Amino acid sequence: MLSEQYLKTAYTLIRVARNVADQAIADRLKALAEDYERRAEQALMTDATDASTDPLGRPEPAEK
């Protein structure tokens, strides 16, 4: 899933940021990690939406 890949990248960026001596670079890496975490959330919502449609892309009928 795309969301898992984004989270994995975010965690890697955070780990690297902790080990960087230059604080400016560490801050940029942390900001990039936050962006990837947001992307993971969006991808997770998209995955959930895609799961609620049939293979032809039609939404499921509403329950009565």
PDB file of N, CA and C in Angstrom:
ATOM      1  N   MET A   1       0.831  -1.173   0.000  1.00  0.00           N
ATOM      2  CA  MET A   1       0.000   0.000   0.000  1.00  0.00           C
ATOM      3  C   MET A   1       0.882   1.244   0.000  1.00  0.00           C
ATOM      4  N   LEU A   2       0.393   2.232  -0.658  1.00  0.00           N
ATOM      5  CA  LEU A   2       1.139   3.477  -0.785  1.00  0.00           C
ATOM      6  C   LEU A   2       1.334   4.156   0.571  1.00  0.00           C
ATOM      7  N   SER A   3       0.323   4.078   1.422  1.00  0.00           N
ATOM      8  CA  SER A   3       0.428   4.724   2.735  1.00  0.00           C
ATOM      9  C   SER A   3       1.572   4.138   3.552  1.00  0.00           C
ATOM     10  N   GLU A   4       1.788   2.842   3.464  1.00  0.00           N
ATOM     11  CA  GLU A   4       2.885   2.196   4.191  1.00  0.00           C
ATOM     12  C   GLU A   4       4.240   2.682   3.681  1.00  0.00           C
ATOM     13  N   GLN A   5       4.349   2.868   2.384  1.00  0.00           N
ATOM     14  CA  GLN A   5       5.604   3.352   1.811  1.00  0.00           C
ATOM     15  C   GLN A   5       5.904   4.775   2.274  1.00  0.00           C
ATOM     16  N   TYR A   6       4.861   5.609   2.321  1.00  0.00           N
ATOM     17  CA  TYR A   6       5.057   6.981   2.796  1.00  0.00           C
ATOM     18  C   TYR A   6       5.501   6.996   4.255  1.00  0.00           C
ATOM     19  N   LEU A   7       4.871   6.159   5.084  1.00  0.00           N
ATOM     20  CA  LEU A   7       5.256   6.113   6.497  1.00  0.00           C
ATOM     21  C   LEU A   7       6.677   5.606   6.676  1.00  0.00           C
ATOM     22  N   LYS A   8       7.031   4.609   5.908  1.00  0.00           N
ATOM     23  CA  LYS A   8       8.391   4.073   5.983  1.00  0.00           C
ATOM     24  C   LYS A   8       9.414   5.155   5.622  1.00  0.00           C
ATOM     25  N   THR A   9       9.123   5.930   4.591  1.00  0.00           N
ATOM     26  CA  THR A   9      10.009   7.029   4.197  1.00  0.00           C
ATOM     27  C   THR A   9      10.078   8.083   5.296  1.00  0.00           C
ATOM     28  N   ALA A  10       8.934   8.409   5.896  1.00  0.00           N
ATOM     29  CA  ALA A  10       8.907   9.405   6.971  1.00  0.00           C
ATOM     30  C   ALA A  10       9.772   8.958   8.139  1.00  0.00           C
ATOM     31  N   TYR A  11       9.649   7.698   8.543  1.00  0.00           N
ATOM     32  CA  TYR A  11      10.448   7.185   9.659  1.00  0.00           C
ATOM     33  C   TYR A  11      11.938   7.201   9.330  1.00  0.00           C
ATOM     34  N   THR A  12      12.273   6.895   8.095  1.00  0.00           N
ATOM     35  CA  THR A  12      13.678   6.932   7.680  1.00  0.00           C
ATOM     36  C   THR A  12      14.217   8.355   7.756  1.00  0.00           C
ATOM     37  N   LEU A  13      13.438   9.312   7.285  1.00  0.00           N
ATOM     38  CA  LEU A  13      13.863  10.712   7.336  1.00  0.00           C
ATOM     39  C   LEU A  13      14.054  11.194   8.772  1.00  0.00           C
ATOM     40  N   ILE A  14      13.166  10.785   9.662  1.00  0.00           N
ATOM     41  CA  ILE A  14      13.293  11.168  11.066  1.00  0.00           C
ATOM     42  C   ILE A  14      14.561  10.567  11.674  1.00  0.00           C
ATOM     43  N   ARG A  15      14.822   9.305  11.369  1.00  0.00           N
ATOM     44  CA  ARG A  15      16.017   8.642  11.887  1.00  0.00           C
ATOM     45  C   ARG A  15      17.287   9.337  11.392  1.00  0.00           C
ATOM     46  N   VAL A  16      17.312   9.691  10.125  1.00  0.00           N
ATOM     47  CA  VAL A  16      18.480  10.377   9.564  1.00  0.00           C
ATOM     48  C   VAL A  16      18.625  11.763  10.190  1.00  0.00           C
ATOM     49  N   ALA A  17      17.504  12.456  10.389  1.00  0.00           N
ATOM     50  CA  ALA A  17      17.536  13.805  10.967  1.00  0.00           C
ATOM     51  C   ALA A  17      18.153  13.791  12.365  1.00  0.00           C
ATOM     52  N   ARG A  18      17.901  12.735  13.120  1.00  0.00           N
ATOM     53  CA  ARG A  18      18.466  12.631  14.471  1.00  0.00           C
ATOM     54  C   ARG A  18      19.986  12.504  14.452  1.00  0.00           C
ATOM     55  N   ASN A  19      20.528  11.977  13.361  1.00  0.00           N
ATOM     56  CA  ASN A  19      21.960  11.717  13.285  1.00  0.00           C
ATOM     57  C   ASN A  19      22.749  12.762  12.506  1.00  0.00           C
ATOM     58  N   VAL A  20      22.051  13.789  12.021  1.00  0.00           N
ATOM     59  CA  VAL A  20      22.719  14.836  11.245  1.00  0.00           C
ATOM     60  C   VAL A  20      23.247  15.902  12.200  1.00  0.00           C
ATOM     61  N   ALA A  21      24.480  16.282  12.018  1.00  0.00           N
ATOM     62  CA  ALA A  21      25.099  17.277  12.894  1.00  0.00           C
ATOM     63  C   ALA A  21      24.610  18.692  12.587  1.00  0.00           C
ATOM     64  N   ASP A  22      24.328  18.976  11.340  1.00  0.00           N
ATOM     65  CA  ASP A  22      23.888  20.312  10.924  1.00  0.00           C
ATOM     66  C   ASP A  22      22.396  20.472  11.251  1.00  0.00           C
ATOM     67  N   GLN A  23      22.078  21.372  12.177  1.00  0.00           N
ATOM     68  CA  GLN A  23      20.700  21.541  12.631  1.00  0.00           C
ATOM     69  C   GLN A  23      19.769  22.015  11.520  1.00  0.00           C
ATOM     70  N   ALA A  24      20.252  22.836  10.610  1.00  0.00           N
ATOM     71  CA  ALA A  24      19.419  23.327   9.504  1.00  0.00           C
ATOM     72  C   ALA A  24      18.983  22.162   8.613  1.00  0.00           C
ATOM     73  N   ILE A  25      19.891  21.270   8.336  1.00  0.00           N
ATOM     74  CA  ILE A  25      19.554  20.098   7.515  1.00  0.00           C
ATOM     75  C   ILE A  25      18.606  19.177   8.279  1.00  0.00           C
ATOM     76  N   ALA A  26      18.859  19.002   9.564  1.00  0.00           N
ATOM     77  CA  ALA A  26      17.978  18.160  10.388  1.00  0.00           C
ATOM     78  C   ALA A  26      16.552  18.718  10.388  1.00  0.00           C
ATOM     79  N   ASP A  27      16.424  20.026  10.513  1.00  0.00           N
ATOM     80  CA  ASP A  27      15.100  20.651  10.495  1.00  0.00           C
ATOM     81  C   ASP A  27      14.399  20.440   9.161  1.00  0.00           C
ATOM     82  N   ARG A  28      15.130  20.551   8.073  1.00  0.00           N
ATOM     83  CA  ARG A  28      14.532  20.332   6.738  1.00  0.00           C
ATOM     84  C   ARG A  28      14.089  18.884   6.577  1.00  0.00           C
ATOM     85  N   LEU A  29      14.893  17.958   7.075  1.00  0.00           N
ATOM     86  CA  LEU A  29      14.527  16.538   6.997  1.00  0.00           C
ATOM     87  C   LEU A  29      13.280  16.252   7.826  1.00  0.00           C
ATOM     88  N   LYS A  30      13.180  16.872   8.995  1.00  0.00           N
ATOM     89  CA  LYS A  30      11.996  16.693   9.839  1.00  0.00           C
ATOM     90  C   LYS A  30      10.757  17.253   9.153  1.00  0.00           C
ATOM     91  N   ALA A  31      10.889  18.399   8.505  1.00  0.00           N
ATOM     92  CA  ALA A  31       9.761  18.984   7.776  1.00  0.00           C
ATOM     93  C   ALA A  31       9.335  18.075   6.625  1.00  0.00           C
ATOM     94  N   LEU A  32      10.305  17.512   5.950  1.00  0.00           N
ATOM     95  CA  LEU A  32      10.003  16.584   4.861  1.00  0.00           C
ATOM     96  C   LEU A  32       9.314  15.328   5.403  1.00  0.00           C
ATOM     97  N   ALA A  33       9.748  14.857   6.560  1.00  0.00           N
ATOM     98  CA  ALA A  33       9.119  13.697   7.195  1.00  0.00           C
ATOM     99  C   ALA A  33       7.659  13.993   7.534  1.00  0.00           C
ATOM    100  N   GLU A  34       7.389  15.194   8.032  1.00  0.00           N
ATOM    101  CA  GLU A  34       6.012  15.581   8.333  1.00  0.00           C
ATOM    102  C   GLU A  34       5.157  15.583   7.073  1.00  0.00           C
ATOM    103  N   ASP A  35       5.725  16.031   5.968  1.00  0.00           N
ATOM    104  CA  ASP A  35       5.007  16.023   4.697  1.00  0.00           C
ATOM    105  C   ASP A  35       4.670  14.586   4.284  1.00  0.00           C
ATOM    106  N   TYR A  36       5.619  13.691   4.448  1.00  0.00           N
ATOM    107  CA  TYR A  36       5.368  12.291   4.099  1.00  0.00           C
ATOM    108  C   TYR A  36       4.325  11.659   5.023  1.00  0.00           C
ATOM    109  N   GLU A  37       4.281  12.077   6.278  1.00  0.00           N
ATOM    110  CA  GLU A  37       3.251  11.574   7.179  1.00  0.00           C
ATOM    111  C   GLU A  37       1.872  12.046   6.729  1.00  0.00           C
ATOM    112  N   ARG A  38       1.785  13.310   6.285  1.00  0.00           N
ATOM    113  CA  ARG A  38       0.512  13.813   5.750  1.00  0.00           C
ATOM    114  C   ARG A  38       0.109  13.043   4.493  1.00  0.00           C
ATOM    115  N   ARG A  39       1.085  12.771   3.644  1.00  0.00           N
ATOM    116  CA  ARG A  39       0.789  11.998   2.428  1.00  0.00           C
ATOM    117  C   ARG A  39       0.296  10.601   2.780  1.00  0.00           C
ATOM    118  N   ALA A  40       0.869  10.017   3.819  1.00  0.00           N
ATOM    119  CA  ALA A  40       0.442   8.681   4.257  1.00  0.00           C
ATOM    120  C   ALA A  40      -1.014   8.713   4.716  1.00  0.00           C
ATOM    121  N   GLU A  41      -1.383   9.751   5.467  1.00  0.00           N
ATOM    122  CA  GLU A  41      -2.771   9.882   5.907  1.00  0.00           C
ATOM    123  C   GLU A  41      -3.713  10.011   4.716  1.00  0.00           C
ATOM    124  N   GLN A  42      -3.324  10.831   3.736  1.00  0.00           N
ATOM    125  CA  GLN A  42      -4.158  11.015   2.551  1.00  0.00           C
ATOM    126  C   GLN A  42      -4.269   9.715   1.759  1.00  0.00           C
ATOM    127  N   ALA A  43      -3.170   9.001   1.635  1.00  0.00           N
ATOM    128  CA  ALA A  43      -3.188   7.731   0.899  1.00  0.00           C
ATOM    129  C   ALA A  43      -4.056   6.709   1.624  1.00  0.00           C
ATOM    130  N   LEU A  44      -4.021   6.732   2.942  1.00  0.00           N
ATOM    131  CA  LEU A  44      -4.845   5.812   3.721  1.00  0.00           C
ATOM    132  C   LEU A  44      -6.324   6.100   3.498  1.00  0.00           C
ATOM    133  N   MET A  45      -6.688   7.385   3.457  1.00  0.00           N
ATOM    134  CA  MET A  45      -8.082   7.748   3.187  1.00  0.00           C
ATOM    135  C   MET A  45      -8.475   7.334   1.771  1.00  0.00           C
ATOM    136  N   THR A  46      -7.579   7.513   0.820  1.00  0.00           N
ATOM    137  CA  THR A  46      -7.850   7.116  -0.561  1.00  0.00           C
ATOM    138  C   THR A  46      -8.022   5.611  -0.659  1.00  0.00           C
ATOM    139  N   ASP A  47      -7.174   4.864   0.047  1.00  0.00           N
ATOM    140  CA  ASP A  47      -7.292   3.411   0.059  1.00  0.00           C
ATOM    141  C   ASP A  47      -8.647   2.980   0.617  1.00  0.00           C
ATOM    142  N   ALA A  48      -9.102   3.656   1.671  1.00  0.00           N
ATOM    143  CA  ALA A  48     -10.389   3.325   2.274  1.00  0.00           C
ATOM    144  C   ALA A  48     -11.528   3.645   1.317  1.00  0.00           C
ATOM    145  N   THR A  49     -11.416   4.751   0.603  1.00  0.00           N
ATOM    146  CA  THR A  49     -12.441   5.130  -0.374  1.00  0.00           C
ATOM    147  C   THR A  49     -12.476   4.133  -1.518  1.00  0.00           C
ATOM    148  N   ASP A  50     -11.305   3.730  -1.993  1.00  0.00           N
ATOM    149  CA  ASP A  50     -11.235   2.771  -3.090  1.00  0.00           C
ATOM    150  C   ASP A  50     -11.823   1.423  -2.682  1.00  0.00           C
ATOM    151  N   ALA A  51     -11.698   1.065  -1.440  1.00  0.00           N
ATOM    152  CA  ALA A  51     -12.221  -0.216  -0.962  1.00  0.00           C
ATOM    153  C   ALA A  51     -13.744  -0.220  -0.941  1.00  0.00           C
ATOM    154  N   SER A  52     -14.362   0.964  -0.918  1.00  0.00           N
ATOM    155  CA  SER A  52     -15.817   1.042  -0.852  1.00  0.00           C
ATOM    156  C   SER A  52     -16.467   1.149  -2.236  1.00  0.00           C
ATOM    157  N   THR A  53     -15.701   0.992  -3.303  1.00  0.00           N
ATOM    158  CA  THR A  53     -16.260   1.020  -4.653  1.00  0.00           C
ATOM    159  C   THR A  53     -16.081  -0.346  -5.304  1.00  0.00           C
ATOM    160  N   ASP A  54     -16.920  -0.626  -6.266  1.00  0.00           N
ATOM    161  CA  ASP A  54     -16.789  -1.907  -6.952  1.00  0.00           C
ATOM    162  C   ASP A  54     -15.675  -1.829  -7.999  1.00  0.00           C
ATOM    163  N   PRO A  55     -15.311  -2.943  -8.632  1.00  0.00           N
ATOM    164  CA  PRO A  55     -14.195  -2.940  -9.583  1.00  0.00           C
ATOM    165  C   PRO A  55     -14.358  -1.989 -10.765  1.00  0.00           C
ATOM    166  N   LEU A  56     -15.588  -1.619 -11.080  1.00  0.00           N
ATOM    167  CA  LEU A  56     -15.821  -0.705 -12.193  1.00  0.00           C
ATOM    168  C   LEU A  56     -15.804   0.747 -11.731  1.00  0.00           C
ATOM    169  N   GLY A  57     -15.544   0.963 -10.459  1.00  0.00           N
ATOM    170  CA  GLY A  57     -15.447   2.315  -9.946  1.00  0.00           C
ATOM    171  C   GLY A  57     -16.762   2.932  -9.534  1.00  0.00           C
ATOM    172  N   ARG A  58     -17.831   2.136  -9.503  1.00  0.00           N
ATOM    173  CA  ARG A  58     -19.133   2.661  -9.094  1.00  0.00           C
ATOM    174  C   ARG A  58     -19.248   2.581  -7.577  1.00  0.00           C
ATOM    175  N   PRO A  59     -19.768   3.623  -6.942  1.00  0.00           N
ATOM    176  CA  PRO A  59     -19.941   3.558  -5.485  1.00  0.00           C
ATOM    177  C   PRO A  59     -21.012   2.548  -5.125  1.00  0.00           C
ATOM    178  N   GLU A  60     -20.891   1.985  -3.925  1.00  0.00           N
ATOM    179  CA  GLU A  60     -21.898   1.042  -3.464  1.00  0.00           C
ATOM    180  C   GLU A  60     -23.193   1.785  -3.218  1.00  0.00           C
ATOM    181  N   PRO A  61     -24.331   1.121  -3.433  1.00  0.00           N
ATOM    182  CA  PRO A  61     -25.609   1.791  -3.182  1.00  0.00           C
ATOM    183  C   PRO A  61     -25.766   2.081  -1.682  1.00  0.00           C
ATOM    184  N   ALA A  62     -26.438   3.189  -1.401  1.00  0.00           N
ATOM    185  CA  ALA A  62     -26.661   3.582   0.001  1.00  0.00           C
ATOM    186  C   ALA A  62     -27.646   2.621   0.646  1.00  0.00           C
ATOM    187  N   GLU A  63     -27.423   2.348   1.930  1.00  0.00           N
ATOM    188  CA  GLU A  63     -28.339   1.480   2.659  1.00  0.00           C
ATOM    189  C   GLU A  63     -29.610   2.241   2.985  1.00  0.00           C
ATOM    190  N   LYS A  64     -30.720   1.519   3.010  1.00  0.00           N
ATOM    191  CA  LYS A  64     -32.023   2.161   3.297  1.00  0.00           C
ATOM    192  C   LYS A  64     -32.423   1.858   4.706  1.00  0.00           C
TER     193      LYS A  64
END
